[in-house]
Every structure is written in C-alpha cells, then in structure tokens.
Amino acid sequence: MIATATLDAPRPTRADGVGLIGVVAWRNLWRNRRRTVLSIGAIAFAVTLLSFAMAQQSGNYAIMIDNATGLLSGHLQVQHRGFFDDPKIGDVLHDVARRVDSIRRIPAVVAATPRISAFVLASAHDHSVGAELLGVEPDGERAVSALPNTVTEGRYLESASGLEAFAGELLARNLDARVGDELVVLGTTPTGGVAPLALTLVGTFASGVPDIDRSVVEVPFETAAAAFELDDSAHVIVAKTRSAADARTVGDAVRRDLRGDDAVVLEWPQLVAGLEQAIELDRIFGNILFATLAVIVSMGVFNAFVMTIFERTREFGTLLALGMRPRTLIATLQIEGLCLAAIGCSLGLALAVPLIAWLARVGIPLGEAGAALRQFHAADRLYPALGVGVLLRPIALMFVGTALASLLPALRVRSIRPVEAMRAV
C-alpha cells in the first residue's frame, strides 16, 4: 500500500516550478530592503520624469503646429491641382458651396471656409503697392484663422458682401492709409478682364509676421467673387480639425470624395514648410536624452545586482551543489529585476498621471516670456499632452533597461564553481 501510494503521488509540474521561483524571487527581493527601496525609487523617478518630459514634448509640438497653422493656412487645404506651386487666377474649385458643406460634415472637422486668392495692385492717395487679396467669409474666417483677432485699429469685416477691406498694418502704412480711407484695388479676372474694387479700409492687423502684414488685404467673399467673375468658385478651401493629428484622417476622407477631380488635399506638413522636419529633429534629440536617463537609472540597478551576486555567491554555490541548474538561478534573478521594474513603474505612473492631467488643464505659465508670446498671439502657457504613448514608452524603456541590468550580472552564475563558491565569505 505504501509503495502504491508513492507511485500514484502527483509529480511537480512546470507551472509549480515557475510559481516557486516567483515566490523565492519575491522573498529575495526584500532581503536587503534599503537597496530594493532605492532601486524602486530610482525607477519611479525615471518613469515620472520621462512621462512628464514626453507629455511636455507632445504638447509643445501641438502648440507649435497650432501657432504655425492658426494665422492663415489651417490644418489642411483643398486646392486646384498645381495652385500651391504656381497660383493662377483661373485655377479655381467649382461648386465650392457643396464642397465646403461636405467637408464640414466630417466629424473631426471644427470649421471649413472658402477663400479667393489673387495678386492685385492696391492704391490709396498717391501710393500704390502690390498685395495679395483674400476673399473671405468673415464668420468662417474667425473659426479657422487667428488673423481676425489681431486687430490694431478699427474692426474686422462684418459683412460677406460689403465694400470693406481689412489690411495689414505695414501695408496700410506703405499706402499712407488710415481706417476710413478709400482703398482702390485692381486685379485680373480669369478671362483677362479688369477686376476693379473701391473699398473702405475698416481695420488693420498686426500678425507679427512681416510678410503677411505688408502684403495681405482681406475683403468679403461675395465682393471678391463678383469682381473676379468667379460665381460659386474659390481658389482654396481651408479646414481646421480638432487637432493636427486628425488632419491625416480628414485628408484621407476628403481625398476619397475627390476621386477623378482636379482638386488636391494639402495637409499642414505641406502647407508649412520645414515645420515637420524641425519637429522630427527635436524628437530625435529628445529621444537621445530620454535614452540617456534610462541608461543612468539602469546602471544603478546593474550595480545593485552586481552587489547581490557577490553577497549571495555562497548561497548560489550551495544551490548549484544541490542540483539546481544555472538557468534557474538566472531566471530567479530576472524575475527579481522584473518585480523591481513593475513596482517602480507602477509608482512612477501613480505620480505622473495626476501631475500631467492637472498641468494639461491649467498649463505651465511662462512668465515674462509668455507676455512676449501674447504679443504674437501665441500661447503663453505650456500644456503637456497626456496620451497612451506618453505612458507606455517610459515603461518599455525601464523594463528593457532593468531586464538587461539584471541579466548581465546574472550571467556570472554560469561560471560559479560550487565547491569554491561554498567557501566564499
């Protein structure tokens, strides 16, 4: 009966062995509490700092894009093919009212508005200068552009069909024109005729961009359409999306609607030259700094495990002498490292998430620098952007760093000779 009972006893499974290794690793982790707490603290600090830095980086990029696209370009534009590189008065989009309404129906679109764009000769008193005339819908322009908010004198356009003009401050100065003066504009229609306009200057603006302030004059859309004989046509449809990241999705949706058409969709990277490249370059340098911080923290964990190997050499020799395989000891040390990473990352996230969420709501004031930015109608606070990638990247960095930091010292176990190790002090 005794022999039968012995033969029928269940054998330990691989799952039982893994569970036992996990329990042993957890207990070993707390044999030197001070060292463990310091390692966890270093990982938690790194995760908190990396999460905040990455969130701030993402928030800064969003602000950069909004500042660059907010004046005139918008997040994306629909244009006649070739108009962006070589603008011609005859390269227009027809049936523009339907097109604008179709774009506005896309869920991620905040606003969309048509524009007429033409190069004209502007005159006032005895002065004449070349200018870029923009025919705009005042309500639509307020939704997609910050230019209506940069008034320095007078007011913005109020009517979609009035004989009004809203000009750059430098342009008005070059014409020696003041608010209330008559502004005469001469352009060319698509058929080669003359497009004359006699307008009243109702306001001037200062965008902070000299090229815009010295060349742009806005007039009501219907007034420009009548003068240039464009009817239900426009040169550009400007759209603003919920965020710059939505521009690609909206652009793809608009492209599907434009199949077989002469129109093209341009997103903000194409509209604002060099901005995407500048962001990518900054992101590369940022990633180098983030990796450097992760390496520094991982070195601390590496030193902790080196000390662990030296302190427990006798213990490892005894276990090897009793028949434990080196790979089992290495697995135990790896689990200890992963436990360190898990606790440290959890603590770091517990600190980072509420901090980033709070700062994303209230912003980080820039003091005197913020006051200077307000003059250019830019954001005077920094707003971190909390996202899944912001939280996962630091965790991945620290888990990989900790795993390597614990593996390299653990590999020394393979060279331990049990007899010599058991004699170690």
Protein backbone atom coordinates (compact mmCIF):
# COMPACT_ATOMS: atom_id res chain seq x y z
CA MET A 1 0.00 0.00 0.00
CA ILE A 2 2.83 2.39 0.83
CA ALA A 3 4.62 1.66 -2.44
CA THR A 4 1.39 2.16 -4.41
CA ALA A 5 0.72 5.49 -2.74
CA THR A 6 4.20 6.66 -3.56
CA LEU A 7 3.84 5.74 -7.23
CA ASP A 8 0.44 7.42 -7.52
CA ALA A 9 1.58 10.74 -5.99
CA PRO A 10 1.33 13.66 -8.47
CA ARG A 11 4.59 14.89 -9.91
CA PRO A 12 5.53 18.57 -9.76
CA THR A 13 4.63 20.40 -12.98
CA ARG A 14 6.49 23.18 -14.83
CA ALA A 15 3.86 25.65 -13.59
CA ASP A 16 4.60 24.64 -9.99
CA GLY A 17 8.30 25.26 -10.61
CA VAL A 18 7.70 28.69 -12.10
CA GLY A 19 5.44 29.63 -9.19
CA LEU A 20 8.08 28.51 -6.70
CA ILE A 21 10.78 30.54 -8.49
CA GLY A 22 8.50 33.59 -8.35
CA VAL A 23 7.93 33.20 -4.62
CA VAL A 24 11.66 32.77 -3.97
CA ALA A 25 12.48 35.79 -6.16
CA TRP A 26 9.97 37.97 -4.31
CA ARG A 27 11.41 36.96 -0.92
CA ASN A 28 14.98 37.53 -2.11
CA LEU A 29 14.00 40.99 -3.29
CA TRP A 30 13.35 42.14 0.26
CA ARG A 31 16.39 40.62 1.91
CA ASN A 32 18.11 43.99 1.53
CA ARG A 33 15.21 46.41 1.90
CA ARG A 34 17.27 49.59 1.64
CA ARG A 35 18.82 48.59 -1.68
CA THR A 36 15.45 47.48 -3.07
CA VAL A 37 13.70 50.67 -1.98
CA LEU A 38 16.44 52.82 -3.53
CA SER A 39 16.22 50.90 -6.82
CA ILE A 40 12.43 51.18 -6.90
CA GLY A 41 12.67 54.89 -6.11
CA ALA A 42 15.13 55.45 -8.94
CA ILE A 43 12.87 53.64 -11.44
CA ALA A 44 9.79 55.51 -10.22
CA PHE A 45 11.59 58.84 -10.51
CA ALA A 46 12.75 57.98 -14.04
CA VAL A 47 9.24 56.94 -15.15
CA THR A 48 7.71 60.10 -13.68
CA LEU A 49 10.33 62.35 -15.26
CA LEU A 50 10.24 60.60 -18.63
CA SER A 51 6.43 60.61 -18.74
CA PHE A 52 6.30 64.32 -17.93
CA ALA A 53 9.06 65.18 -20.42
CA MET A 54 7.42 63.18 -23.22
CA ALA A 55 4.00 64.67 -22.43
CA GLN A 56 5.51 68.16 -22.48
CA GLN A 57 7.26 67.39 -25.76
CA SER A 58 3.99 66.25 -27.37
CA GLY A 59 2.17 69.29 -26.01
CA ASN A 60 4.84 71.64 -27.35
CA TYR A 61 4.58 70.09 -30.80
CA ALA A 62 0.80 70.60 -30.80
CA ILE A 63 1.28 74.26 -29.80
CA MET A 64 3.94 74.75 -32.50
CA ILE A 65 1.64 73.34 -35.17
CA ASP A 66 -1.38 75.35 -34.00
CA ASN A 67 0.68 78.57 -33.90
CA ALA A 68 2.08 77.94 -37.38
CA THR A 69 -1.26 76.97 -38.96
CA GLY A 70 -3.51 79.28 -36.97
CA LEU A 71 -2.85 82.52 -38.84
CA LEU A 72 -3.83 81.56 -42.39
CA SER A 73 -3.02 78.05 -43.58
CA GLY A 74 -5.27 75.91 -41.35
CA HIS A 75 -4.61 72.23 -40.72
CA LEU A 76 -5.41 71.31 -44.32
CA GLN A 77 -6.49 72.90 -47.58
CA VAL A 78 -8.27 71.79 -50.73
CA GLN A 79 -6.90 73.48 -53.84
CA HIS A 80 -6.89 73.14 -57.60
CA ARG A 81 -4.05 70.90 -58.69
CA GLY A 82 -0.89 72.97 -59.18
CA PHE A 83 -2.23 76.12 -57.49
CA PHE A 84 0.08 75.80 -54.46
CA ASP A 85 3.27 75.84 -56.55
CA ASP A 86 2.10 78.20 -59.28
CA PRO A 87 -1.02 80.16 -58.25
CA LYS A 88 -3.11 81.35 -61.18
CA ILE A 89 -6.39 83.26 -61.04
CA GLY A 90 -8.04 80.68 -63.29
CA ASP A 91 -7.14 77.64 -61.17
CA VAL A 92 -10.38 77.52 -59.16
CA LEU A 93 -12.56 74.94 -57.43
CA HIS A 94 -16.09 74.91 -58.80
CA ASP A 95 -19.27 74.07 -56.85
CA VAL A 96 -17.46 75.33 -53.76
CA ALA A 97 -20.56 75.62 -51.53
CA ARG A 98 -21.22 71.89 -51.83
CA ARG A 99 -17.56 71.07 -51.23
CA VAL A 100 -17.38 73.19 -48.08
CA ASP A 101 -20.59 71.66 -46.73
CA SER A 102 -19.25 68.16 -47.41
CA ILE A 103 -16.02 68.87 -45.51
CA ARG A 104 -17.88 70.39 -42.57
CA ARG A 105 -19.83 67.14 -42.19
CA ILE A 106 -16.66 65.15 -41.41
CA PRO A 107 -16.69 64.51 -37.62
CA ALA A 108 -13.11 65.65 -36.90
CA VAL A 109 -13.55 68.98 -38.72
CA VAL A 110 -14.07 72.01 -36.49
CA ALA A 111 -14.60 74.51 -39.31
CA ALA A 112 -14.13 74.93 -43.05
CA THR A 113 -14.35 78.04 -45.21
CA PRO A 114 -13.64 79.05 -48.84
CA ARG A 115 -11.15 81.70 -49.94
CA ILE A 116 -10.44 83.60 -53.11
CA SER A 117 -6.78 84.44 -53.59
CA ALA A 118 -5.47 86.94 -56.14
CA PHE A 119 -2.48 89.21 -56.65
CA VAL A 120 -3.63 92.81 -57.07
CA LEU A 121 -2.45 96.40 -57.17
CA ALA A 122 -3.68 98.31 -54.10
CA SER A 123 -3.80 102.11 -54.14
CA ALA A 124 -4.61 104.85 -51.66
CA HIS A 125 -3.95 108.56 -52.04
CA ASP A 126 -0.84 108.80 -54.25
CA HIS A 127 0.67 105.44 -53.25
CA SER A 128 0.38 102.03 -54.90
CA VAL A 129 1.79 98.64 -53.84
CA GLY A 130 1.38 95.03 -54.85
CA ALA A 131 -0.72 92.95 -52.47
CA GLU A 132 -2.38 89.57 -52.02
CA LEU A 133 -6.16 89.88 -51.90
CA LEU A 134 -8.08 87.25 -49.94
CA GLY A 135 -11.82 86.99 -50.41
CA VAL A 136 -13.13 85.53 -47.15
CA GLU A 137 -16.36 84.75 -45.34
CA PRO A 138 -15.99 86.69 -42.05
CA ASP A 139 -17.71 84.09 -39.84
CA GLY A 140 -15.83 81.20 -41.41
CA GLU A 141 -12.53 83.05 -41.21
CA ARG A 142 -12.96 83.68 -37.48
CA ALA A 143 -13.33 79.92 -37.00
CA VAL A 144 -10.18 78.87 -38.89
CA SER A 145 -7.82 81.85 -38.57
CA ALA A 146 -6.38 83.97 -35.77
CA LEU A 147 -5.99 86.96 -38.09
CA PRO A 148 -9.37 88.50 -37.11
CA ASN A 149 -8.10 88.61 -33.51
CA THR A 150 -5.04 90.69 -34.36
CA VAL A 151 -6.83 93.99 -34.98
CA THR A 152 -4.68 97.04 -34.18
CA GLU A 153 -7.10 99.73 -35.37
CA GLY A 154 -10.73 99.70 -36.45
CA ARG A 155 -12.54 96.37 -36.71
CA TYR A 156 -12.70 93.13 -38.68
CA LEU A 157 -15.00 92.52 -41.64
CA GLU A 158 -18.66 92.21 -40.72
CA SER A 159 -20.48 91.54 -43.98
CA ALA A 160 -19.94 88.81 -46.56
CA SER A 161 -20.82 91.21 -49.39
CA GLY A 162 -19.86 94.72 -48.26
CA LEU A 163 -17.28 97.02 -49.85
CA GLU A 164 -14.87 96.70 -46.93
CA ALA A 165 -11.16 95.97 -46.60
CA PHE A 166 -9.10 94.62 -43.69
CA ALA A 167 -5.39 95.17 -44.38
CA GLY A 168 -2.05 94.51 -42.76
CA GLU A 169 -0.67 97.35 -40.67
CA LEU A 170 2.52 97.59 -42.74
CA LEU A 171 0.53 97.55 -45.99
CA ALA A 172 -1.66 100.41 -44.75
CA ARG A 173 1.43 102.32 -43.65
CA ASN A 174 3.06 101.89 -47.06
CA LEU A 175 -0.12 103.26 -48.65
CA ASP A 176 -0.33 106.06 -46.08
CA ALA A 177 -3.90 104.88 -45.47
CA ARG A 178 -5.89 105.08 -42.25
CA VAL A 179 -9.11 103.47 -41.15
CA GLY A 180 -11.96 105.11 -43.06
CA ASP A 181 -9.87 105.90 -46.15
CA GLU A 182 -10.76 104.62 -49.60
CA LEU A 183 -8.70 101.72 -50.94
CA VAL A 184 -8.73 101.03 -54.68
CA VAL A 185 -7.83 97.51 -55.80
CA LEU A 186 -7.17 96.40 -59.38
CA GLY A 187 -6.89 92.74 -60.35
CA THR A 188 -7.32 90.48 -63.35
CA THR A 189 -10.24 88.11 -63.99
CA PRO A 190 -9.70 84.55 -65.30
CA THR A 191 -10.73 85.74 -68.78
CA GLY A 192 -8.17 88.58 -68.77
CA GLY A 193 -10.56 91.39 -67.87
CA VAL A 194 -10.04 94.02 -65.18
CA ALA A 195 -11.39 93.39 -61.67
CA PRO A 196 -11.79 96.84 -60.03
CA LEU A 197 -12.80 97.35 -56.41
CA ALA A 198 -13.32 100.58 -54.48
CA LEU A 199 -13.27 99.65 -50.79
CA THR A 200 -13.32 101.33 -47.41
CA LEU A 201 -10.50 100.41 -45.07
CA VAL A 202 -12.34 99.33 -41.89
CA GLY A 203 -9.42 97.88 -39.93
CA THR A 204 -5.76 96.95 -39.80
CA PHE A 205 -3.99 93.99 -38.23
CA ALA A 206 -0.53 93.08 -36.95
CA SER A 207 0.07 89.33 -37.06
CA GLY A 208 3.73 89.52 -36.04
CA VAL A 209 4.73 88.07 -39.43
CA PRO A 210 6.09 90.96 -41.55
CA ASP A 211 5.46 89.23 -44.89
CA ILE A 212 1.76 88.91 -44.04
CA ASP A 213 1.44 92.38 -42.51
CA ARG A 214 2.90 94.11 -45.56
CA SER A 215 1.06 92.15 -48.27
CA VAL A 216 -2.35 90.76 -47.23
CA VAL A 217 -5.68 92.54 -47.59
CA GLU A 218 -8.94 90.72 -46.87
CA VAL A 219 -12.28 91.59 -48.46
CA PRO A 220 -15.72 89.93 -48.21
CA PHE A 221 -16.00 86.72 -50.23
CA GLU A 222 -19.04 87.69 -52.30
CA THR A 223 -17.50 91.07 -53.14
CA ALA A 224 -14.32 89.39 -54.43
CA ALA A 225 -16.31 86.71 -56.29
CA ALA A 226 -18.36 89.36 -58.11
CA ALA A 227 -15.30 91.44 -59.03
CA PHE A 228 -13.29 88.46 -60.32
CA GLU A 229 -16.32 86.81 -62.01
CA LEU A 230 -15.93 83.57 -60.04
CA ASP A 231 -19.59 82.89 -59.13
CA ASP A 232 -19.70 79.69 -56.98
CA SER A 233 -15.93 79.17 -57.18
CA ALA A 234 -12.91 79.67 -54.95
CA HIS A 235 -9.20 79.01 -55.04
CA VAL A 236 -8.84 77.40 -51.63
CA ILE A 237 -10.97 75.68 -49.00
CA VAL A 238 -9.32 75.96 -45.57
CA ALA A 239 -10.22 73.46 -42.83
CA LYS A 240 -9.41 73.34 -39.14
CA THR A 241 -9.50 69.96 -37.39
CA ARG A 242 -9.82 69.10 -33.71
CA SER A 243 -6.07 68.57 -33.59
CA ALA A 244 -3.17 68.39 -36.00
CA ALA A 245 -3.19 64.60 -35.65
CA ASP A 246 -6.70 64.49 -37.18
CA ALA A 247 -5.54 66.24 -40.37
CA ARG A 248 -4.41 62.97 -41.97
CA THR A 249 -7.72 61.21 -41.26
CA VAL A 250 -9.74 64.16 -42.55
CA GLY A 251 -7.45 64.49 -45.57
CA ASP A 252 -8.00 60.83 -46.49
CA ALA A 253 -11.77 61.28 -46.19
CA VAL A 254 -11.71 64.35 -48.45
CA ARG A 255 -9.47 62.59 -51.00
CA ARG A 256 -11.99 59.77 -51.32
CA ASP A 257 -14.61 62.37 -52.22
CA LEU A 258 -12.28 63.99 -54.78
CA ARG A 259 -11.56 60.94 -56.94
CA GLY A 260 -11.39 61.93 -60.59
CA ASP A 261 -11.31 65.63 -59.68
CA ASP A 262 -8.64 68.25 -60.41
CA ALA A 263 -8.50 69.19 -56.72
CA VAL A 264 -5.80 68.09 -54.28
CA VAL A 265 -5.66 67.99 -50.49
CA LEU A 266 -2.66 69.53 -48.73
CA GLU A 267 -2.07 68.84 -45.04
CA TRP A 268 -0.15 71.06 -42.62
CA PRO A 269 3.30 69.45 -43.26
CA GLN A 270 2.99 70.54 -46.91
CA LEU A 271 1.47 73.93 -46.12
CA VAL A 272 4.07 74.98 -43.53
CA ALA A 273 7.48 74.27 -44.99
CA GLY A 274 10.10 72.85 -42.63
CA LEU A 275 7.83 72.50 -39.59
CA GLU A 276 7.56 68.70 -39.69
CA GLN A 277 11.33 68.36 -40.21
CA ALA A 278 12.01 70.66 -37.25
CA ILE A 279 9.70 68.58 -35.06
CA GLU A 280 11.34 65.32 -36.15
CA LEU A 281 14.81 66.70 -35.44
CA ASP A 282 13.73 67.86 -31.99
CA ARG A 283 12.14 64.47 -31.35
CA ILE A 284 15.40 62.69 -32.20
CA PHE A 285 17.39 64.80 -29.74
CA GLY A 286 14.67 64.28 -27.13
CA ASN A 287 14.79 60.51 -27.57
CA ILE A 288 18.56 60.58 -27.09
CA LEU A 289 18.11 62.42 -23.79
CA PHE A 290 15.36 60.03 -22.68
CA ALA A 291 17.52 57.00 -23.51
CA THR A 292 20.43 58.53 -21.61
CA LEU A 293 18.31 58.93 -18.48
CA ALA A 294 17.07 55.34 -18.80
CA VAL A 295 20.69 54.10 -19.12
CA ILE A 296 21.75 56.06 -16.00
CA VAL A 297 18.94 54.54 -13.92
CA SER A 298 19.63 51.09 -15.37
CA MET A 299 23.26 51.43 -14.30
CA GLY A 300 22.07 51.91 -10.74
CA VAL A 301 20.02 48.71 -10.99
CA PHE A 302 23.03 46.98 -12.57
CA ASN A 303 25.23 47.92 -9.59
CA ALA A 304 22.58 46.64 -7.19
CA PHE A 305 22.53 43.25 -8.90
CA VAL A 306 26.33 43.07 -9.04
CA MET A 307 26.37 43.50 -5.26
CA THR A 308 23.65 40.87 -4.98
CA ILE A 309 25.74 38.35 -6.92
CA PHE A 310 28.81 38.93 -4.72
CA GLU A 311 26.84 38.80 -1.46
CA ARG A 312 25.00 35.60 -2.41
CA THR A 313 27.88 33.72 -4.06
CA ARG A 314 27.97 31.16 -1.24
CA GLU A 315 24.19 30.69 -1.47
CA PHE A 316 24.37 30.17 -5.23
CA GLY A 317 27.21 27.65 -4.81
CA THR A 318 25.14 25.65 -2.32
CA LEU A 319 22.09 25.64 -4.62
CA LEU A 320 24.21 24.52 -7.57
CA ALA A 321 25.75 21.77 -5.45
CA LEU A 322 22.25 20.56 -4.55
CA GLY A 323 21.41 20.19 -8.25
CA MET A 324 19.76 23.48 -9.20
CA ARG A 325 20.51 24.45 -12.78
CA PRO A 326 22.27 27.76 -13.55
CA ARG A 327 19.42 28.83 -15.83
CA THR A 328 17.00 28.51 -12.91
CA LEU A 329 19.15 30.86 -10.82
CA ILE A 330 19.37 33.28 -13.74
CA ALA A 331 15.57 33.13 -14.14
CA THR A 332 15.17 33.88 -10.43
CA LEU A 333 17.36 36.98 -10.73
CA GLN A 334 15.49 38.06 -13.86
CA ILE A 335 12.18 37.80 -12.03
CA GLU A 336 13.63 39.90 -9.23
CA GLY A 337 14.54 42.56 -11.79
CA LEU A 338 11.10 42.47 -13.38
CA CYS A 339 9.48 42.81 -9.96
CA LEU A 340 11.63 45.88 -9.32
CA ALA A 341 10.59 47.34 -12.67
CA ALA A 342 6.89 46.57 -12.12
CA ILE A 343 6.79 48.21 -8.69
CA GLY A 344 8.87 51.21 -9.78
CA CYS A 345 6.84 51.78 -12.97
CA SER A 346 3.54 51.48 -11.09
CA LEU A 347 4.67 54.01 -8.52
CA GLY A 348 6.01 56.30 -11.27
CA LEU A 349 2.70 56.19 -13.15
CA ALA A 350 0.78 56.85 -9.95
CA LEU A 351 2.77 60.07 -9.60
CA ALA A 352 2.96 61.07 -13.28
CA VAL A 353 -0.66 60.63 -14.42
CA PRO A 354 -2.35 63.03 -11.97
CA LEU A 355 0.51 65.54 -12.33
CA ILE A 356 0.32 65.58 -16.15
CA ALA A 357 -3.50 65.62 -16.14
CA TRP A 358 -3.53 68.63 -13.80
CA LEU A 359 -0.90 70.56 -15.78
CA ALA A 360 -2.67 69.73 -19.06
CA ARG A 361 -5.72 71.50 -17.64
CA VAL A 362 -4.13 74.58 -16.02
CA GLY A 363 -0.94 74.89 -18.10
CA ILE A 364 2.55 75.96 -17.07
CA PRO A 365 2.89 79.77 -17.10
CA LEU A 366 5.91 81.19 -18.91
CA GLY A 367 6.12 84.50 -17.02
CA GLU A 368 7.74 87.33 -18.99
CA ALA A 369 8.30 85.05 -21.97
CA GLY A 370 4.56 84.37 -22.02
CA ALA A 371 3.84 88.10 -22.16
CA ALA A 372 6.11 88.40 -25.20
CA LEU A 373 4.37 85.45 -26.87
CA ARG A 374 0.96 87.03 -26.31
CA GLN A 375 2.06 89.95 -28.48
CA PHE A 376 2.40 87.48 -31.36
CA HIS A 377 -0.94 85.86 -30.45
CA ALA A 378 0.77 82.63 -29.41
CA ALA A 379 0.04 80.51 -26.34
CA ASP A 380 1.54 81.97 -23.15
CA ARG A 381 1.41 78.64 -21.30
CA LEU A 382 2.78 75.18 -21.93
CA TYR A 383 0.26 72.34 -21.88
CA PRO A 384 1.52 68.75 -21.56
CA ALA A 385 -0.41 66.23 -23.67
CA LEU A 386 -1.38 63.06 -21.79
CA GLY A 387 -1.61 60.03 -24.09
CA VAL A 388 -1.09 56.28 -24.17
CA GLY A 389 2.26 56.58 -25.93
CA VAL A 390 3.49 59.05 -23.32
CA LEU A 391 2.88 56.43 -20.60
CA LEU A 392 3.93 53.28 -22.45
CA ARG A 393 7.28 54.48 -23.78
CA PRO A 394 8.85 55.17 -20.34
CA ILE A 395 7.56 51.84 -19.06
CA ALA A 396 9.03 49.99 -22.04
CA LEU A 397 12.37 51.79 -21.61
CA MET A 398 12.61 50.94 -17.91
CA PHE A 399 11.51 47.32 -18.31
CA VAL A 400 14.08 46.73 -21.05
CA GLY A 401 16.78 48.60 -19.11
CA THR A 402 16.06 46.74 -15.87
CA ALA A 403 15.91 43.36 -17.63
CA LEU A 404 19.33 43.94 -19.20
CA ALA A 405 20.73 45.35 -15.95
CA SER A 406 19.70 42.22 -14.07
CA LEU A 407 20.65 39.77 -16.84
CA LEU A 408 24.27 40.83 -17.31
CA PRO A 409 25.36 40.25 -13.68
CA ALA A 410 23.18 37.12 -13.50
CA LEU A 411 25.12 35.50 -16.36
CA ARG A 412 28.08 35.28 -13.97
CA VAL A 413 26.22 32.47 -12.23
CA ARG A 414 27.19 30.14 -15.09
CA SER A 415 30.87 30.50 -14.18
CA ILE A 416 30.40 29.79 -10.45
CA ARG A 417 32.07 26.58 -9.23
CA PRO A 418 30.03 25.14 -6.34
CA VAL A 419 32.97 23.98 -4.20
CA GLU A 420 34.81 27.30 -4.43
CA ALA A 421 31.59 29.30 -4.01
CA MET A 422 30.65 27.49 -0.77
CA ARG A 423 33.99 28.53 0.73
CA ALA A 424 33.38 32.21 -0.12
CA VAL A 425 32.84 34.56 2.80
